[in-house]
Amino acid sequence: MWAFVLLAGILTACFFAGASVFVRVKLPDKRWPEWILAGLVVLSVLAIWYSLVYVRGWEGAMLGVLGFHVIGGAIAGYLIEKAIMRYRNR
């Protein structure tokens, strides 16, 4: 089960970094990656809240951990995208 949760964070980071770089290249004046990051964080916080209030137990704990990993993956993907774009512009 922990492998699935860790894999979800890694896949979120890769997906977010790839999507952010693609959007930055196609639409350089738009702020879509920031909106995607905000949306993922809000959805993860809602998942954590739902796991605490409604699900509870071990299933709720895993849903909460998954929410934390998605937040971490989204932030890591955003930082990876910033590093890629910084070194790509040089």
PDB file of N, CA and C in Angstrom:
ATOM      1  N   MET A   1       0.820  -1.188   0.000  1.00  0.00           N
ATOM      2  CA  MET A   1       0.000   0.000   0.000  1.00  0.00           C
ATOM      3  C   MET A   1       0.861   1.247   0.000  1.00  0.00           C
ATOM      4  N   TRP A   2       1.957   1.227   0.753  1.00  0.00           N
ATOM      5  CA  TRP A   2       2.832   2.406   0.803  1.00  0.00           C
ATOM      6  C   TRP A   2       3.497   2.647  -0.543  1.00  0.00           C
ATOM      7  N   ALA A   3       3.770   1.584  -1.272  1.00  0.00           N
ATOM      8  CA  ALA A   3       4.363   1.756  -2.598  1.00  0.00           C
ATOM      9  C   ALA A   3       3.402   2.498  -3.515  1.00  0.00           C
ATOM     10  N   PHE A   4       2.111   2.213  -3.412  1.00  0.00           N
ATOM     11  CA  PHE A   4       1.123   2.918  -4.218  1.00  0.00           C
ATOM     12  C   PHE A   4       1.083   4.402  -3.869  1.00  0.00           C
ATOM     13  N   VAL A   5       1.131   4.721  -2.589  1.00  0.00           N
ATOM     14  CA  VAL A   5       1.077   6.117  -2.161  1.00  0.00           C
ATOM     15  C   VAL A   5       2.335   6.864  -2.617  1.00  0.00           C
ATOM     16  N   LEU A   6       3.495   6.245  -2.472  1.00  0.00           N
ATOM     17  CA  LEU A   6       4.734   6.875  -2.921  1.00  0.00           C
ATOM     18  C   LEU A   6       4.736   7.029  -4.440  1.00  0.00           C
ATOM     19  N   LEU A   7       4.262   6.030  -5.138  1.00  0.00           N
ATOM     20  CA  LEU A   7       4.169   6.097  -6.588  1.00  0.00           C
ATOM     21  C   LEU A   7       3.220   7.215  -7.025  1.00  0.00           C
ATOM     22  N   ALA A   8       2.154   7.428  -6.282  1.00  0.00           N
ATOM     23  CA  ALA A   8       1.215   8.510  -6.605  1.00  0.00           C
ATOM     24  C   ALA A   8       1.900   9.873  -6.497  1.00  0.00           C
ATOM     25  N   GLY A   9       2.718  10.081  -5.479  1.00  0.00           N
ATOM     26  CA  GLY A   9       3.457  11.338  -5.344  1.00  0.00           C
ATOM     27  C   GLY A   9       4.460  11.541  -6.465  1.00  0.00           C
ATOM     28  N   ILE A  10       5.181  10.483  -6.824  1.00  0.00           N
ATOM     29  CA  ILE A  10       6.180  10.578  -7.888  1.00  0.00           C
ATOM     30  C   ILE A  10       5.493  10.831  -9.230  1.00  0.00           C
ATOM     31  N   LEU A  11       4.410  10.122  -9.504  1.00  0.00           N
ATOM     32  CA  LEU A  11       3.689  10.333 -10.757  1.00  0.00           C
ATOM     33  C   LEU A  11       3.073  11.724 -10.827  1.00  0.00           C
ATOM     34  N   THR A  12       2.589  12.228  -9.701  1.00  0.00           N
ATOM     35  CA  THR A  12       2.050  13.590  -9.678  1.00  0.00           C
ATOM     36  C   THR A  12       3.135  14.599  -9.993  1.00  0.00           C
ATOM     37  N   ALA A  13       4.319  14.416  -9.423  1.00  0.00           N
ATOM     38  CA  ALA A  13       5.430  15.343  -9.696  1.00  0.00           C
ATOM     39  C   ALA A  13       5.820  15.293 -11.166  1.00  0.00           C
ATOM     40  N   CYS A  14       5.929  14.114 -11.727  1.00  0.00           N
ATOM     41  CA  CYS A  14       6.296  13.988 -13.150  1.00  0.00           C
ATOM     42  C   CYS A  14       5.213  14.569 -14.049  1.00  0.00           C
ATOM     43  N   PHE A  15       3.956  14.252 -13.761  1.00  0.00           N
ATOM     44  CA  PHE A  15       2.856  14.775 -14.560  1.00  0.00           C
ATOM     45  C   PHE A  15       2.803  16.294 -14.489  1.00  0.00           C
ATOM     46  N   PHE A  16       2.935  16.838 -13.287  1.00  0.00           N
ATOM     47  CA  PHE A  16       2.845  18.284 -13.123  1.00  0.00           C
ATOM     48  C   PHE A  16       4.010  18.989 -13.800  1.00  0.00           C
ATOM     49  N   ALA A  17       5.215  18.452 -13.662  1.00  0.00           N
ATOM     50  CA  ALA A  17       6.378  19.074 -14.315  1.00  0.00           C
ATOM     51  C   ALA A  17       6.227  19.035 -15.833  1.00  0.00           C
ATOM     52  N   GLY A  18       5.810  17.904 -16.374  1.00  0.00           N
ATOM     53  CA  GLY A  18       5.624  17.794 -17.825  1.00  0.00           C
ATOM     54  C   GLY A  18       4.529  18.719 -18.335  1.00  0.00           C
ATOM     55  N   ALA A  19       3.404  18.737 -17.640  1.00  0.00           N
ATOM     56  CA  ALA A  19       2.302  19.602 -18.053  1.00  0.00           C
ATOM     57  C   ALA A  19       2.684  21.071 -17.937  1.00  0.00           C
ATOM     58  N   SER A  20       3.415  21.431 -16.890  1.00  0.00           N
ATOM     59  CA  SER A  20       3.823  22.819 -16.705  1.00  0.00           C
ATOM     60  C   SER A  20       4.780  23.274 -17.791  1.00  0.00           C
ATOM     61  N   VAL A  21       5.759  22.439 -18.120  1.00  0.00           N
ATOM     62  CA  VAL A  21       6.709  22.808 -19.178  1.00  0.00           C
ATOM     63  C   VAL A  21       5.971  22.929 -20.509  1.00  0.00           C
ATOM     64  N   PHE A  22       5.064  21.997 -20.806  1.00  0.00           N
ATOM     65  CA  PHE A  22       4.303  22.054 -22.055  1.00  0.00           C
ATOM     66  C   PHE A  22       3.481  23.341 -22.135  1.00  0.00           C
ATOM     67  N   VAL A  23       2.796  23.697 -21.046  1.00  0.00           N
ATOM     68  CA  VAL A  23       1.967  24.899 -21.040  1.00  0.00           C
ATOM     69  C   VAL A  23       2.836  26.148 -21.121  1.00  0.00           C
ATOM     70  N   ARG A  24       3.972  26.160 -20.432  1.00  0.00           N
ATOM     71  CA  ARG A  24       4.861  27.334 -20.485  1.00  0.00           C
ATOM     72  C   ARG A  24       5.413  27.558 -21.886  1.00  0.00           C
ATOM     73  N   VAL A  25       5.699  26.478 -22.606  1.00  0.00           N
ATOM     74  CA  VAL A  25       6.240  26.610 -23.963  1.00  0.00           C
ATOM     75  C   VAL A  25       5.145  27.096 -24.915  1.00  0.00           C
ATOM     76  N   LYS A  26       3.944  26.545 -24.799  1.00  0.00           N
ATOM     77  CA  LYS A  26       2.852  26.906 -25.707  1.00  0.00           C
ATOM     78  C   LYS A  26       2.219  28.253 -25.368  1.00  0.00           C
ATOM     79  N   LEU A  27       2.064  28.550 -24.095  1.00  0.00           N
ATOM     80  CA  LEU A  27       1.422  29.796 -23.654  1.00  0.00           C
ATOM     81  C   LEU A  27       2.320  30.504 -22.640  1.00  0.00           C
ATOM     82  N   PRO A  28       3.365  31.197 -23.099  1.00  0.00           N
ATOM     83  CA  PRO A  28       4.324  31.770 -22.147  1.00  0.00           C
ATOM     84  C   PRO A  28       3.768  32.911 -21.298  1.00  0.00           C
ATOM     85  N   ASP A  29       2.718  33.581 -21.746  1.00  0.00           N
ATOM     86  CA  ASP A  29       2.204  34.722 -20.995  1.00  0.00           C
ATOM     87  C   ASP A  29       1.131  34.341 -19.979  1.00  0.00           C
ATOM     88  N   LYS A  30       0.643  33.125 -20.040  1.00  0.00           N
ATOM     89  CA  LYS A  30      -0.421  32.679 -19.134  1.00  0.00           C
ATOM     90  C   LYS A  30       0.176  32.110 -17.852  1.00  0.00           C
ATOM     91  N   ARG A  31      -0.660  32.055 -16.815  1.00  0.00           N
ATOM     92  CA  ARG A  31      -0.226  31.537 -15.518  1.00  0.00           C
ATOM     93  C   ARG A  31      -0.919  30.208 -15.201  1.00  0.00           C
ATOM     94  N   TRP A  32      -1.058  29.337 -16.190  1.00  0.00           N
ATOM     95  CA  TRP A  32      -1.731  28.060 -15.999  1.00  0.00           C
ATOM     96  C   TRP A  32      -1.049  27.145 -14.987  1.00  0.00           C
ATOM     97  N   PRO A  33       0.283  27.021 -14.971  1.00  0.00           N
ATOM     98  CA  PRO A  33       0.878  26.104 -13.970  1.00  0.00           C
ATOM     99  C   PRO A  33       0.559  26.491 -12.532  1.00  0.00           C
ATOM    100  N   GLU A  34       0.478  27.775 -12.252  1.00  0.00           N
ATOM    101  CA  GLU A  34       0.132  28.191 -10.896  1.00  0.00           C
ATOM    102  C   GLU A  34      -1.309  27.802 -10.558  1.00  0.00           C
ATOM    103  N   TRP A  35      -2.211  27.907 -11.532  1.00  0.00           N
ATOM    104  CA  TRP A  35      -3.594  27.505 -11.307  1.00  0.00           C
ATOM    105  C   TRP A  35      -3.714  25.996 -11.147  1.00  0.00           C
ATOM    106  N   ILE A  36      -2.934  25.239 -11.911  1.00  0.00           N
ATOM    107  CA  ILE A  36      -2.940  23.786 -11.768  1.00  0.00           C
ATOM    108  C   ILE A  36      -2.433  23.405 -10.376  1.00  0.00           C
ATOM    109  N   LEU A  37      -1.358  24.056  -9.935  1.00  0.00           N
ATOM    110  CA  LEU A  37      -0.821  23.795  -8.597  1.00  0.00           C
ATOM    111  C   LEU A  37      -1.855  24.110  -7.535  1.00  0.00           C
ATOM    112  N   ALA A  38      -2.511  25.258  -7.660  1.00  0.00           N
ATOM    113  CA  ALA A  38      -3.526  25.634  -6.673  1.00  0.00           C
ATOM    114  C   ALA A  38      -4.674  24.629  -6.661  1.00  0.00           C
ATOM    115  N   GLY A  39      -5.098  24.179  -7.839  1.00  0.00           N
ATOM    116  CA  GLY A  39      -6.180  23.202  -7.913  1.00  0.00           C
ATOM    117  C   GLY A  39      -5.816  21.877  -7.272  1.00  0.00           C
ATOM    118  N   LEU A  40      -4.580  21.390  -7.529  1.00  0.00           N
ATOM    119  CA  LEU A  40      -4.148  20.136  -6.921  1.00  0.00           C
ATOM    120  C   LEU A  40      -4.042  20.251  -5.407  1.00  0.00           C
ATOM    121  N   VAL A  41      -3.558  21.376  -4.926  1.00  0.00           N
ATOM    122  CA  VAL A  41      -3.441  21.563  -3.473  1.00  0.00           C
ATOM    123  C   VAL A  41      -4.827  21.616  -2.840  1.00  0.00           C
ATOM    124  N   VAL A  42      -5.753  22.338  -3.465  1.00  0.00           N
ATOM    125  CA  VAL A  42      -7.112  22.420  -2.911  1.00  0.00           C
ATOM    126  C   VAL A  42      -7.771  21.039  -2.915  1.00  0.00           C
ATOM    127  N   LEU A  43      -7.642  20.286  -4.008  1.00  0.00           N
ATOM    128  CA  LEU A  43      -8.229  18.943  -4.052  1.00  0.00           C
ATOM    129  C   LEU A  43      -7.596  18.024  -3.012  1.00  0.00           C
ATOM    130  N   SER A  44      -6.297  18.152  -2.788  1.00  0.00           N
ATOM    131  CA  SER A  44      -5.632  17.322  -1.784  1.00  0.00           C
ATOM    132  C   SER A  44      -6.077  17.677  -0.376  1.00  0.00           C
ATOM    133  N   VAL A  45      -6.225  18.963  -0.115  1.00  0.00           N
ATOM    134  CA  VAL A  45      -6.700  19.388   1.209  1.00  0.00           C
ATOM    135  C   VAL A  45      -8.125  18.884   1.432  1.00  0.00           C
ATOM    136  N   LEU A  46      -8.956  18.941   0.394  1.00  0.00           N
ATOM    137  CA  LEU A  46     -10.311  18.394   0.526  1.00  0.00           C
ATOM    138  C   LEU A  46     -10.284  16.886   0.761  1.00  0.00           C
ATOM    139  N   ALA A  47      -9.377  16.167   0.119  1.00  0.00           N
ATOM    140  CA  ALA A  47      -9.252  14.728   0.347  1.00  0.00           C
ATOM    141  C   ALA A  47      -8.817  14.443   1.780  1.00  0.00           C
ATOM    142  N   ILE A  48      -7.889  15.232   2.301  1.00  0.00           N
ATOM    143  CA  ILE A  48      -7.441  15.054   3.687  1.00  0.00           C
ATOM    144  C   ILE A  48      -8.587  15.335   4.645  1.00  0.00           C
ATOM    145  N   TRP A  49      -9.322  16.412   4.399  1.00  0.00           N
ATOM    146  CA  TRP A  49     -10.455  16.747   5.252  1.00  0.00           C
ATOM    147  C   TRP A  49     -11.513  15.648   5.209  1.00  0.00           C
ATOM    148  N   TYR A  50     -11.820  15.144   4.008  1.00  0.00           N
ATOM    149  CA  TYR A  50     -12.796  14.076   3.850  1.00  0.00           C
ATOM    150  C   TYR A  50     -12.346  12.814   4.588  1.00  0.00           C
ATOM    151  N   SER A  51     -11.038  12.525   4.532  1.00  0.00           N
ATOM    152  CA  SER A  51     -10.542  11.326   5.213  1.00  0.00           C
ATOM    153  C   SER A  51     -10.636  11.462   6.727  1.00  0.00           C
ATOM    154  N   LEU A  52     -10.475  12.673   7.232  1.00  0.00           N
ATOM    155  CA  LEU A  52     -10.559  12.876   8.682  1.00  0.00           C
ATOM    156  C   LEU A  52     -11.999  12.882   9.182  1.00  0.00           C
ATOM    157  N   VAL A  53     -12.902  13.467   8.418  1.00  0.00           N
ATOM    158  CA  VAL A  53     -14.270  13.660   8.891  1.00  0.00           C
ATOM    159  C   VAL A  53     -15.170  12.468   8.576  1.00  0.00           C
ATOM    160  N   TYR A  54     -15.100  11.939   7.361  1.00  0.00           N
ATOM    161  CA  TYR A  54     -16.074  10.931   6.940  1.00  0.00           C
ATOM    162  C   TYR A  54     -15.547   9.499   6.922  1.00  0.00           C
ATOM    163  N   VAL A  55     -14.347   9.282   6.436  1.00  0.00           N
ATOM    164  CA  VAL A  55     -13.886   7.908   6.234  1.00  0.00           C
ATOM    165  C   VAL A  55     -13.375   7.313   7.537  1.00  0.00           C
ATOM    166  N   ARG A  56     -12.436   7.986   8.172  1.00  0.00           N
ATOM    167  CA  ARG A  56     -11.816   7.550   9.426  1.00  0.00           C
ATOM    168  C   ARG A  56     -11.173   6.176   9.303  1.00  0.00           C
ATOM    169  N   GLY A  57     -10.553   5.721  10.317  1.00  0.00           N
ATOM    170  CA  GLY A  57      -9.909   4.405  10.328  1.00  0.00           C
ATOM    171  C   GLY A  57      -8.674   4.368   9.430  1.00  0.00           C
ATOM    172  N   TRP A  58      -8.240   3.146   9.119  1.00  0.00           N
ATOM    173  CA  TRP A  58      -7.038   2.976   8.304  1.00  0.00           C
ATOM    174  C   TRP A  58      -7.256   3.435   6.871  1.00  0.00           C
ATOM    175  N   GLU A  59      -8.480   3.249   6.367  1.00  0.00           N
ATOM    176  CA  GLU A  59      -8.765   3.701   5.012  1.00  0.00           C
ATOM    177  C   GLU A  59      -8.661   5.218   4.930  1.00  0.00           C
ATOM    178  N   GLY A  60      -9.152   5.900   5.938  1.00  0.00           N
ATOM    179  CA  GLY A  60      -9.054   7.357   5.993  1.00  0.00           C
ATOM    180  C   GLY A  60      -7.614   7.817   6.140  1.00  0.00           C
ATOM    181  N   ALA A  61      -6.834   7.060   6.897  1.00  0.00           N
ATOM    182  CA  ALA A  61      -5.420   7.410   7.055  1.00  0.00           C
ATOM    183  C   ALA A  61      -4.690   7.321   5.727  1.00  0.00           C
ATOM    184  N   MET A  62      -4.983   6.281   4.956  1.00  0.00           N
ATOM    185  CA  MET A  62      -4.318   6.138   3.650  1.00  0.00           C
ATOM    186  C   MET A  62      -4.765   7.215   2.679  1.00  0.00           C
ATOM    187  N   LEU A  63      -6.024   7.600   2.732  1.00  0.00           N
ATOM    188  CA  LEU A  63      -6.502   8.678   1.876  1.00  0.00           C
ATOM    189  C   LEU A  63      -5.838   9.997   2.259  1.00  0.00           C
ATOM    190  N   GLY A  64      -5.660  10.226   3.547  1.00  0.00           N
ATOM    191  CA  GLY A  64      -4.964  11.426   4.002  1.00  0.00           C
ATOM    192  C   GLY A  64      -3.502  11.442   3.583  1.00  0.00           C
ATOM    193  N   VAL A  65      -2.841  10.297   3.709  1.00  0.00           N
ATOM    194  CA  VAL A  65      -1.441  10.197   3.281  1.00  0.00           C
ATOM    195  C   VAL A  65      -1.335  10.411   1.772  1.00  0.00           C
ATOM    196  N   LEU A  66      -2.277   9.873   1.025  1.00  0.00           N
ATOM    197  CA  LEU A  66      -2.299  10.091  -0.420  1.00  0.00           C
ATOM    198  C   LEU A  66      -2.459  11.580  -0.731  1.00  0.00           C
ATOM    199  N   GLY A  67      -3.313  12.260   0.017  1.00  0.00           N
ATOM    200  CA  GLY A  67      -3.473  13.708  -0.158  1.00  0.00           C
ATOM    201  C   GLY A  67      -2.176  14.456   0.119  1.00  0.00           C
ATOM    202  N   PHE A  68      -1.466  14.074   1.183  1.00  0.00           N
ATOM    203  CA  PHE A  68      -0.184  14.706   1.490  1.00  0.00           C
ATOM    204  C   PHE A  68       0.837  14.452   0.381  1.00  0.00           C
ATOM    205  N   HIS A  69       0.852  13.250  -0.162  1.00  0.00           N
ATOM    206  CA  HIS A  69       1.794  12.945  -1.232  1.00  0.00           C
ATOM    207  C   HIS A  69       1.461  13.695  -2.519  1.00  0.00           C
ATOM    208  N   VAL A  70       0.201  13.889  -2.799  1.00  0.00           N
ATOM    209  CA  VAL A  70      -0.173  14.671  -3.978  1.00  0.00           C
ATOM    210  C   VAL A  70       0.247  16.127  -3.795  1.00  0.00           C
ATOM    211  N   ILE A  71       0.080  16.678  -2.604  1.00  0.00           N
ATOM    212  CA  ILE A  71       0.557  18.037  -2.345  1.00  0.00           C
ATOM    213  C   ILE A  71       2.067  18.111  -2.535  1.00  0.00           C
ATOM    214  N   GLY A  72       2.792  17.163  -1.957  1.00  0.00           N
ATOM    215  CA  GLY A  72       4.249  17.139  -2.116  1.00  0.00           C
ATOM    216  C   GLY A  72       4.670  16.958  -3.564  1.00  0.00           C
ATOM    217  N   GLY A  73       3.973  16.078  -4.286  1.00  0.00           N
ATOM    218  CA  GLY A  73       4.288  15.858  -5.691  1.00  0.00           C
ATOM    219  C   GLY A  73       4.007  17.080  -6.541  1.00  0.00           C
ATOM    220  N   ALA A  74       2.916  17.771  -6.264  1.00  0.00           N
ATOM    221  CA  ALA A  74       2.581  18.975  -7.027  1.00  0.00           C
ATOM    222  C   ALA A  74       3.610  20.073  -6.780  1.00  0.00           C
ATOM    223  N   ILE A  75       4.006  20.252  -5.540  1.00  0.00           N
ATOM    224  CA  ILE A  75       5.012  21.275  -5.230  1.00  0.00           C
ATOM    225  C   ILE A  75       6.357  20.896  -5.822  1.00  0.00           C
ATOM    226  N   ALA A  76       6.732  19.623  -5.732  1.00  0.00           N
ATOM    227  CA  ALA A  76       7.992  19.174  -6.331  1.00  0.00           C
ATOM    228  C   ALA A  76       7.968  19.347  -7.842  1.00  0.00           C
ATOM    229  N   GLY A  77       6.853  19.020  -8.473  1.00  0.00           N
ATOM    230  CA  GLY A  77       6.733  19.202  -9.916  1.00  0.00           C
ATOM    231  C   GLY A  77       6.821  20.656 -10.317  1.00  0.00           C
ATOM    232  N   TYR A  78       6.235  21.541  -9.522  1.00  0.00           N
ATOM    233  CA  TYR A  78       6.310  22.978  -9.799  1.00  0.00           C
ATOM    234  C   TYR A  78       7.749  23.469  -9.696  1.00  0.00           C
ATOM    235  N   LEU A  79       8.463  23.014  -8.675  1.00  0.00           N
ATOM    236  CA  LEU A  79       9.859  23.425  -8.513  1.00  0.00           C
ATOM    237  C   LEU A  79      10.747  22.852  -9.612  1.00  0.00           C
ATOM    238  N   ILE A  80      10.469  21.613 -10.040  1.00  0.00           N
ATOM    239  CA  ILE A  80      11.213  21.017 -11.156  1.00  0.00           C
ATOM    240  C   ILE A  80      10.969  21.820 -12.420  1.00  0.00           C
ATOM    241  N   GLU A  81       9.710  22.206 -12.654  1.00  0.00           N
ATOM    242  CA  GLU A  81       9.373  23.001 -13.833  1.00  0.00           C
ATOM    243  C   GLU A  81      10.083  24.345 -13.807  1.00  0.00           C
ATOM    244  N   LYS A  82      10.147  24.979 -12.655  1.00  0.00           N
ATOM    245  CA  LYS A  82      10.856  26.262 -12.535  1.00  0.00           C
ATOM    246  C   LYS A  82      12.339  26.090 -12.853  1.00  0.00           C
ATOM    247  N   ALA A  83      12.943  24.997 -12.362  1.00  0.00           N
ATOM    248  CA  ALA A  83      14.366  24.754 -12.634  1.00  0.00           C
ATOM    249  C   ALA A  83      14.588  24.482 -14.114  1.00  0.00           C
ATOM    250  N   ILE A  84      13.710  23.689 -14.737  1.00  0.00           N
ATOM    251  CA  ILE A  84      13.845  23.397 -16.156  1.00  0.00           C
ATOM    252  C   ILE A  84      13.742  24.666 -16.973  1.00  0.00           C
ATOM    253  N   MET A  85      12.748  25.499 -16.681  1.00  0.00           N
ATOM    254  CA  MET A  85      12.573  26.720 -17.460  1.00  0.00           C
ATOM    255  C   MET A  85      13.708  27.715 -17.219  1.00  0.00           C
ATOM    256  N   ARG A  86      14.259  27.726 -16.013  1.00  0.00           N
ATOM    257  CA  ARG A  86      15.363  28.642 -15.732  1.00  0.00           C
ATOM    258  C   ARG A  86      16.595  28.279 -16.540  1.00  0.00           C
ATOM    259  N   TYR A  87      16.941  26.981 -16.573  1.00  0.00           N
ATOM    260  CA  TYR A  87      18.127  26.568 -17.304  1.00  0.00           C
ATOM    261  C   TYR A  87      17.881  26.459 -18.808  1.00  0.00           C
ATOM    262  N   ARG A  88      16.625  26.336 -19.210  1.00  0.00           N
ATOM    263  CA  ARG A  88      16.313  26.276 -20.634  1.00  0.00           C
ATOM    264  C   ARG A  88      16.446  27.648 -21.275  1.00  0.00           C
ATOM    265  N   ASN A  89      16.165  28.708 -20.522  1.00  0.00           N
ATOM    266  CA  ASN A  89      16.238  30.069 -21.059  1.00  0.00           C
ATOM    267  C   ASN A  89      17.672  30.564 -21.187  1.00  0.00           C
ATOM    268  N   ARG A  90      18.621  29.890 -20.580  1.00  0.00           N
ATOM    269  CA  ARG A  90      20.028  30.352 -20.662  1.00  0.00           C
ATOM    270  C   ARG A  90      20.664  29.988 -21.934  1.00  0.00           C
TER     271      ARG A  90
END
